[in-house]
Amino acid sequence: MKLVKGKRAIDVTVVEADCVCIPSNAIRACGGNYHLAAVISYLAELSLTLSDQDGWFYQKRKDIAQALVLSEHQVQRLVTAFKSKFPSAIRTKRKKVEGVPTVHFHIDVAELEKEMERILDERNW
């Protein structure tokens, strides 16, 4: 595993006190795309804290956008990019929450880390 200042390829995105911290290796693995790295890291963190027994969780697009200071359209586009770049690490499905269809996520954090490490190794980072 490539290390930068003791951090794993994917770590948690810290969102608190008007500050968003994105792991540098996540940014590198995303080719410098800060927004994509932020969404991927944030969803990985949520999967570790909010997942049900089957590993699924939901977070409304507007809540992700608000936490990461992005528009809802950006979040939608970045989730699509996440699915394209790391297809084996993310699954989505629509299920109703309080009668409203809501996107649910399943993030395989181990697979995501493996894929990011592969990218970092290929780029010699």
N, C-alpha and C. Protein backbone atom coordinates (compact mmCIF):
# COMPACT_ATOMS: atom_id res chain seq x y z
N MET A 1 0.83 -1.17 0.00
CA MET A 1 0.00 0.00 0.00
C MET A 1 0.88 1.24 0.00
N LYS A 2 0.61 2.16 -0.90
CA LYS A 2 1.37 3.39 -0.95
C LYS A 2 0.94 4.30 0.20
N LEU A 3 1.89 4.88 0.84
CA LEU A 3 1.58 5.76 1.96
C LEU A 3 2.08 7.16 1.69
N VAL A 4 1.30 8.12 2.08
CA VAL A 4 1.71 9.52 2.04
C VAL A 4 1.39 10.07 3.41
N LYS A 5 2.40 10.48 4.14
CA LYS A 5 2.23 11.00 5.49
C LYS A 5 1.39 10.06 6.35
N GLY A 6 1.59 8.77 6.18
CA GLY A 6 0.92 7.79 7.03
C GLY A 6 -0.54 7.55 6.70
N LYS A 7 -1.03 8.02 5.56
CA LYS A 7 -2.43 7.84 5.23
C LYS A 7 -2.61 6.75 4.19
N ARG A 8 -3.73 6.05 4.28
CA ARG A 8 -4.06 5.03 3.29
C ARG A 8 -4.55 5.70 2.02
N ALA A 9 -4.68 4.91 0.95
CA ALA A 9 -5.15 5.45 -0.32
C ALA A 9 -6.52 6.09 -0.17
N ILE A 10 -7.38 5.47 0.58
CA ILE A 10 -8.68 6.06 0.86
C ILE A 10 -8.84 6.09 2.36
N ASP A 11 -9.09 7.23 2.85
CA ASP A 11 -9.31 7.39 4.28
C ASP A 11 -10.64 8.11 4.39
N VAL A 12 -10.91 8.70 5.48
CA VAL A 12 -12.18 9.37 5.63
C VAL A 12 -12.07 10.83 5.22
N THR A 13 -13.17 11.35 4.74
CA THR A 13 -13.28 12.77 4.48
C THR A 13 -13.90 13.37 5.73
N VAL A 14 -13.22 14.31 6.31
CA VAL A 14 -13.71 14.94 7.53
C VAL A 14 -14.49 16.19 7.15
N VAL A 15 -15.74 16.26 7.56
CA VAL A 15 -16.56 17.42 7.29
C VAL A 15 -17.04 17.95 8.63
N GLU A 16 -16.44 19.03 9.06
CA GLU A 16 -16.85 19.64 10.32
C GLU A 16 -16.37 21.08 10.37
N ALA A 17 -17.07 21.89 11.07
CA ALA A 17 -16.68 23.28 11.30
C ALA A 17 -16.28 23.99 10.00
N ASP A 18 -17.11 23.85 8.98
CA ASP A 18 -16.87 24.52 7.70
C ASP A 18 -15.55 24.13 7.06
N CYS A 19 -15.11 22.90 7.26
CA CYS A 19 -13.85 22.43 6.70
C CYS A 19 -14.06 21.03 6.13
N VAL A 20 -13.61 20.84 4.89
CA VAL A 20 -13.68 19.53 4.25
C VAL A 20 -12.25 19.08 3.99
N CYS A 21 -11.85 17.96 4.58
CA CYS A 21 -10.50 17.42 4.38
C CYS A 21 -10.59 16.19 3.49
N ILE A 22 -9.83 16.20 2.40
CA ILE A 22 -9.85 15.10 1.45
C ILE A 22 -8.48 14.43 1.45
N PRO A 23 -8.41 13.12 1.63
CA PRO A 23 -7.10 12.44 1.62
C PRO A 23 -6.35 12.69 0.31
N SER A 24 -5.08 13.03 0.42
CA SER A 24 -4.28 13.36 -0.77
C SER A 24 -4.17 12.19 -1.73
N ASN A 25 -4.10 10.97 -1.21
CA ASN A 25 -4.02 9.82 -2.11
C ASN A 25 -5.33 9.61 -2.88
N ALA A 26 -6.45 9.98 -2.29
CA ALA A 26 -7.72 9.90 -3.01
C ALA A 26 -7.71 10.89 -4.17
N ILE A 27 -7.17 12.08 -3.94
CA ILE A 27 -7.07 13.08 -5.00
C ILE A 27 -6.17 12.56 -6.11
N ARG A 28 -5.03 11.98 -5.74
CA ARG A 28 -4.11 11.43 -6.74
C ARG A 28 -4.78 10.31 -7.54
N ALA A 29 -5.46 9.40 -6.86
CA ALA A 29 -6.11 8.27 -7.53
C ALA A 29 -7.23 8.74 -8.46
N CYS A 30 -7.77 9.91 -8.19
CA CYS A 30 -8.83 10.48 -9.03
C CYS A 30 -8.27 11.43 -10.08
N GLY A 31 -6.98 11.36 -10.30
CA GLY A 31 -6.35 12.18 -11.34
C GLY A 31 -6.39 13.66 -11.07
N GLY A 32 -6.39 14.04 -9.79
CA GLY A 32 -6.41 15.45 -9.43
C GLY A 32 -7.79 16.06 -9.33
N ASN A 33 -8.83 15.26 -9.52
CA ASN A 33 -10.20 15.75 -9.45
C ASN A 33 -10.64 15.81 -7.99
N TYR A 34 -10.51 16.99 -7.40
CA TYR A 34 -10.84 17.18 -5.98
C TYR A 34 -12.30 16.84 -5.69
N HIS A 35 -13.19 17.25 -6.57
CA HIS A 35 -14.61 17.00 -6.33
C HIS A 35 -14.92 15.51 -6.31
N LEU A 36 -14.36 14.78 -7.28
CA LEU A 36 -14.58 13.33 -7.32
C LEU A 36 -13.99 12.66 -6.08
N ALA A 37 -12.78 13.06 -5.71
CA ALA A 37 -12.15 12.51 -4.51
C ALA A 37 -12.98 12.79 -3.26
N ALA A 38 -13.56 13.98 -3.18
CA ALA A 38 -14.38 14.34 -2.03
C ALA A 38 -15.62 13.47 -1.95
N VAL A 39 -16.31 13.29 -3.07
CA VAL A 39 -17.53 12.47 -3.08
C VAL A 39 -17.20 11.02 -2.76
N ILE A 40 -16.17 10.48 -3.37
CA ILE A 40 -15.79 9.08 -3.12
C ILE A 40 -15.43 8.88 -1.66
N SER A 41 -14.61 9.75 -1.12
CA SER A 41 -14.18 9.61 0.28
C SER A 41 -15.35 9.79 1.23
N TYR A 42 -16.21 10.74 0.93
CA TYR A 42 -17.37 11.00 1.79
C TYR A 42 -18.31 9.80 1.80
N LEU A 43 -18.60 9.24 0.62
CA LEU A 43 -19.48 8.07 0.57
C LEU A 43 -18.85 6.86 1.23
N ALA A 44 -17.53 6.71 1.10
CA ALA A 44 -16.84 5.61 1.78
C ALA A 44 -16.97 5.76 3.29
N GLU A 45 -16.81 6.98 3.78
CA GLU A 45 -16.96 7.24 5.22
C GLU A 45 -18.39 6.94 5.67
N LEU A 46 -19.37 7.38 4.90
CA LEU A 46 -20.77 7.12 5.26
C LEU A 46 -21.06 5.63 5.27
N SER A 47 -20.46 4.90 4.34
CA SER A 47 -20.72 3.45 4.29
C SER A 47 -20.20 2.77 5.56
N LEU A 48 -19.13 3.31 6.13
CA LEU A 48 -18.57 2.73 7.35
C LEU A 48 -19.41 3.06 8.58
N THR A 49 -20.16 4.16 8.51
CA THR A 49 -20.90 4.60 9.70
C THR A 49 -22.41 4.40 9.59
N LEU A 50 -22.96 4.38 8.37
CA LEU A 50 -24.42 4.35 8.22
C LEU A 50 -24.98 3.06 7.64
N SER A 51 -24.14 2.17 7.15
CA SER A 51 -24.63 0.97 6.44
C SER A 51 -25.50 0.10 7.33
N ASP A 52 -26.52 -0.50 6.69
CA ASP A 52 -27.33 -1.48 7.40
C ASP A 52 -26.62 -2.83 7.38
N GLN A 53 -27.30 -3.86 7.81
CA GLN A 53 -26.67 -5.18 7.89
C GLN A 53 -26.19 -5.71 6.54
N ASP A 54 -26.86 -5.27 5.47
CA ASP A 54 -26.49 -5.72 4.13
C ASP A 54 -25.46 -4.80 3.47
N GLY A 55 -25.04 -3.76 4.18
CA GLY A 55 -24.03 -2.85 3.65
C GLY A 55 -24.59 -1.67 2.86
N TRP A 56 -25.91 -1.51 2.84
CA TRP A 56 -26.54 -0.42 2.09
C TRP A 56 -26.82 0.76 3.01
N PHE A 57 -26.76 1.96 2.46
CA PHE A 57 -27.13 3.18 3.20
C PHE A 57 -27.66 4.18 2.19
N TYR A 58 -28.34 5.20 2.69
CA TYR A 58 -28.76 6.27 1.80
C TYR A 58 -28.35 7.61 2.39
N GLN A 59 -28.13 8.51 1.49
CA GLN A 59 -27.86 9.90 1.84
C GLN A 59 -28.43 10.72 0.69
N LYS A 60 -29.29 11.65 1.00
CA LYS A 60 -29.91 12.45 -0.06
C LYS A 60 -28.87 13.30 -0.76
N ARG A 61 -29.08 13.46 -2.05
CA ARG A 61 -28.15 14.23 -2.87
C ARG A 61 -27.95 15.64 -2.31
N LYS A 62 -29.04 16.25 -1.86
CA LYS A 62 -28.92 17.62 -1.33
C LYS A 62 -28.07 17.66 -0.07
N ASP A 63 -28.11 16.58 0.74
CA ASP A 63 -27.30 16.53 1.95
C ASP A 63 -25.81 16.35 1.63
N ILE A 64 -25.54 15.52 0.61
CA ILE A 64 -24.14 15.35 0.17
C ILE A 64 -23.63 16.68 -0.39
N ALA A 65 -24.45 17.31 -1.21
CA ALA A 65 -24.06 18.59 -1.81
C ALA A 65 -23.78 19.64 -0.74
N GLN A 66 -24.64 19.71 0.25
CA GLN A 66 -24.46 20.69 1.32
C GLN A 66 -23.18 20.40 2.13
N ALA A 67 -22.93 19.15 2.44
CA ALA A 67 -21.76 18.79 3.23
C ALA A 67 -20.46 19.09 2.50
N LEU A 68 -20.46 18.90 1.17
CA LEU A 68 -19.23 19.05 0.39
C LEU A 68 -19.17 20.36 -0.40
N VAL A 69 -20.15 21.22 -0.17
CA VAL A 69 -20.22 22.53 -0.84
C VAL A 69 -20.20 22.36 -2.37
N LEU A 70 -21.09 21.51 -2.84
CA LEU A 70 -21.27 21.26 -4.27
C LEU A 70 -22.74 21.45 -4.61
N SER A 71 -23.06 21.52 -5.88
CA SER A 71 -24.46 21.56 -6.28
C SER A 71 -24.98 20.12 -6.36
N GLU A 72 -26.30 19.98 -6.32
CA GLU A 72 -26.89 18.64 -6.43
C GLU A 72 -26.56 18.04 -7.79
N HIS A 73 -26.52 18.86 -8.83
CA HIS A 73 -26.16 18.37 -10.16
C HIS A 73 -24.72 17.85 -10.18
N GLN A 74 -23.81 18.56 -9.52
CA GLN A 74 -22.43 18.08 -9.44
C GLN A 74 -22.36 16.74 -8.74
N VAL A 75 -23.10 16.59 -7.65
CA VAL A 75 -23.09 15.33 -6.91
C VAL A 75 -23.59 14.20 -7.80
N GLN A 76 -24.67 14.44 -8.52
CA GLN A 76 -25.20 13.41 -9.41
C GLN A 76 -24.16 13.02 -10.46
N ARG A 77 -23.52 14.01 -11.06
CA ARG A 77 -22.51 13.75 -12.09
C ARG A 77 -21.30 13.02 -11.50
N LEU A 78 -20.90 13.40 -10.28
CA LEU A 78 -19.73 12.79 -9.65
C LEU A 78 -20.02 11.35 -9.20
N VAL A 79 -21.23 11.07 -8.77
CA VAL A 79 -21.59 9.68 -8.43
C VAL A 79 -21.53 8.82 -9.70
N THR A 80 -21.98 9.37 -10.82
CA THR A 80 -21.88 8.66 -12.09
C THR A 80 -20.42 8.41 -12.45
N ALA A 81 -19.57 9.42 -12.24
CA ALA A 81 -18.13 9.27 -12.51
C ALA A 81 -17.51 8.22 -11.59
N PHE A 82 -17.93 8.20 -10.32
CA PHE A 82 -17.46 7.20 -9.35
C PHE A 82 -17.80 5.81 -9.87
N LYS A 83 -19.04 5.62 -10.31
CA LYS A 83 -19.48 4.31 -10.81
C LYS A 83 -18.70 3.91 -12.05
N SER A 84 -18.32 4.88 -12.86
CA SER A 84 -17.55 4.60 -14.07
C SER A 84 -16.10 4.27 -13.77
N LYS A 85 -15.49 5.01 -12.85
CA LYS A 85 -14.07 4.83 -12.53
C LYS A 85 -13.81 3.61 -11.66
N PHE A 86 -14.71 3.32 -10.73
CA PHE A 86 -14.54 2.21 -9.79
C PHE A 86 -15.81 1.33 -9.77
N PRO A 87 -16.15 0.71 -10.90
CA PRO A 87 -17.42 -0.02 -10.98
C PRO A 87 -17.55 -1.19 -10.01
N SER A 88 -16.44 -1.79 -9.62
CA SER A 88 -16.53 -2.93 -8.71
C SER A 88 -16.64 -2.49 -7.25
N ALA A 89 -16.53 -1.19 -7.00
CA ALA A 89 -16.54 -0.70 -5.61
C ALA A 89 -17.84 -0.03 -5.19
N ILE A 90 -18.73 0.26 -6.14
CA ILE A 90 -19.98 0.95 -5.79
C ILE A 90 -21.16 0.34 -6.53
N ARG A 91 -22.25 0.22 -5.80
CA ARG A 91 -23.53 -0.17 -6.39
C ARG A 91 -24.57 0.81 -5.88
N THR A 92 -25.56 1.08 -6.71
CA THR A 92 -26.66 1.95 -6.29
C THR A 92 -27.98 1.29 -6.64
N LYS A 93 -29.01 1.65 -5.90
CA LYS A 93 -30.37 1.22 -6.23
C LYS A 93 -31.33 2.22 -5.61
N ARG A 94 -32.51 2.30 -6.17
CA ARG A 94 -33.55 3.20 -5.63
C ARG A 94 -34.49 2.40 -4.73
N LYS A 95 -34.68 2.91 -3.53
CA LYS A 95 -35.66 2.36 -2.60
C LYS A 95 -36.40 3.53 -1.98
N LYS A 96 -37.61 3.30 -1.57
CA LYS A 96 -38.38 4.38 -0.97
C LYS A 96 -37.98 4.60 0.49
N VAL A 97 -37.87 5.86 0.83
CA VAL A 97 -37.65 6.29 2.21
C VAL A 97 -38.74 7.30 2.51
N GLU A 98 -39.58 6.98 3.46
CA GLU A 98 -40.72 7.81 3.80
C GLU A 98 -41.57 8.11 2.56
N GLY A 99 -41.74 7.09 1.71
CA GLY A 99 -42.57 7.21 0.52
C GLY A 99 -41.91 7.88 -0.68
N VAL A 100 -40.67 8.30 -0.54
CA VAL A 100 -39.97 8.99 -1.63
C VAL A 100 -38.85 8.11 -2.16
N PRO A 101 -38.79 7.88 -3.49
CA PRO A 101 -37.68 7.10 -4.04
C PRO A 101 -36.34 7.79 -3.75
N THR A 102 -35.43 7.05 -3.16
CA THR A 102 -34.14 7.61 -2.74
C THR A 102 -33.03 6.65 -3.16
N VAL A 103 -31.94 7.23 -3.66
CA VAL A 103 -30.80 6.41 -4.06
C VAL A 103 -30.10 5.85 -2.83
N HIS A 104 -29.90 4.53 -2.81
CA HIS A 104 -29.15 3.86 -1.76
C HIS A 104 -27.80 3.43 -2.35
N PHE A 105 -26.79 3.45 -1.52
CA PHE A 105 -25.43 3.14 -1.95
C PHE A 105 -24.91 1.91 -1.22
N HIS A 106 -24.09 1.15 -1.92
CA HIS A 106 -23.33 0.06 -1.31
C HIS A 106 -21.90 0.25 -1.77
N ILE A 107 -21.01 0.61 -0.84
CA ILE A 107 -19.61 0.87 -1.16
C ILE A 107 -18.78 -0.28 -0.59
N ASP A 108 -18.04 -0.94 -1.45
CA ASP A 108 -17.09 -1.96 -1.02
C ASP A 108 -15.76 -1.24 -0.77
N VAL A 109 -15.56 -0.82 0.46
CA VAL A 109 -14.39 0.01 0.80
C VAL A 109 -13.09 -0.75 0.54
N ALA A 110 -13.06 -2.04 0.84
CA ALA A 110 -11.84 -2.83 0.59
C ALA A 110 -11.52 -2.86 -0.90
N GLU A 111 -12.52 -3.04 -1.74
CA GLU A 111 -12.32 -3.05 -3.19
C GLU A 111 -11.90 -1.66 -3.68
N LEU A 112 -12.51 -0.63 -3.11
CA LEU A 112 -12.15 0.74 -3.48
C LEU A 112 -10.69 1.03 -3.15
N GLU A 113 -10.27 0.64 -1.97
CA GLU A 113 -8.86 0.83 -1.58
C GLU A 113 -7.94 0.07 -2.53
N LYS A 114 -8.31 -1.15 -2.86
CA LYS A 114 -7.49 -1.98 -3.76
C LYS A 114 -7.34 -1.31 -5.13
N GLU A 115 -8.45 -0.81 -5.66
CA GLU A 115 -8.42 -0.16 -6.97
C GLU A 115 -7.62 1.14 -6.93
N MET A 116 -7.77 1.91 -5.86
CA MET A 116 -7.01 3.16 -5.74
C MET A 116 -5.52 2.87 -5.60
N GLU A 117 -5.18 1.86 -4.84
CA GLU A 117 -3.77 1.48 -4.69
C GLU A 117 -3.18 1.04 -6.03
N ARG A 118 -3.99 0.31 -6.82
CA ARG A 118 -3.54 -0.12 -8.15
C ARG A 118 -3.23 1.10 -9.02
N ILE A 119 -4.11 2.09 -8.99
CA ILE A 119 -3.90 3.30 -9.77
C ILE A 119 -2.66 4.04 -9.29
N LEU A 120 -2.50 4.15 -7.98
CA LEU A 120 -1.34 4.85 -7.44
C LEU A 120 -0.04 4.11 -7.79
N ASP A 121 -0.07 2.78 -7.75
CA ASP A 121 1.10 1.99 -8.14
C ASP A 121 1.44 2.18 -9.61
N GLU A 122 0.41 2.21 -10.47
CA GLU A 122 0.65 2.40 -11.90
C GLU A 122 1.28 3.76 -12.18
N ARG A 123 0.91 4.73 -11.37
CA ARG A 123 1.43 6.10 -11.57
C ARG A 123 2.69 6.35 -10.73
N ASN A 124 3.15 5.30 -10.05
CA ASN A 124 4.35 5.39 -9.20
C ASN A 124 4.25 6.49 -8.13
N TRP A 125 3.07 6.57 -7.49
CA TRP A 125 2.90 7.53 -6.40
C TRP A 125 3.01 6.83 -5.10
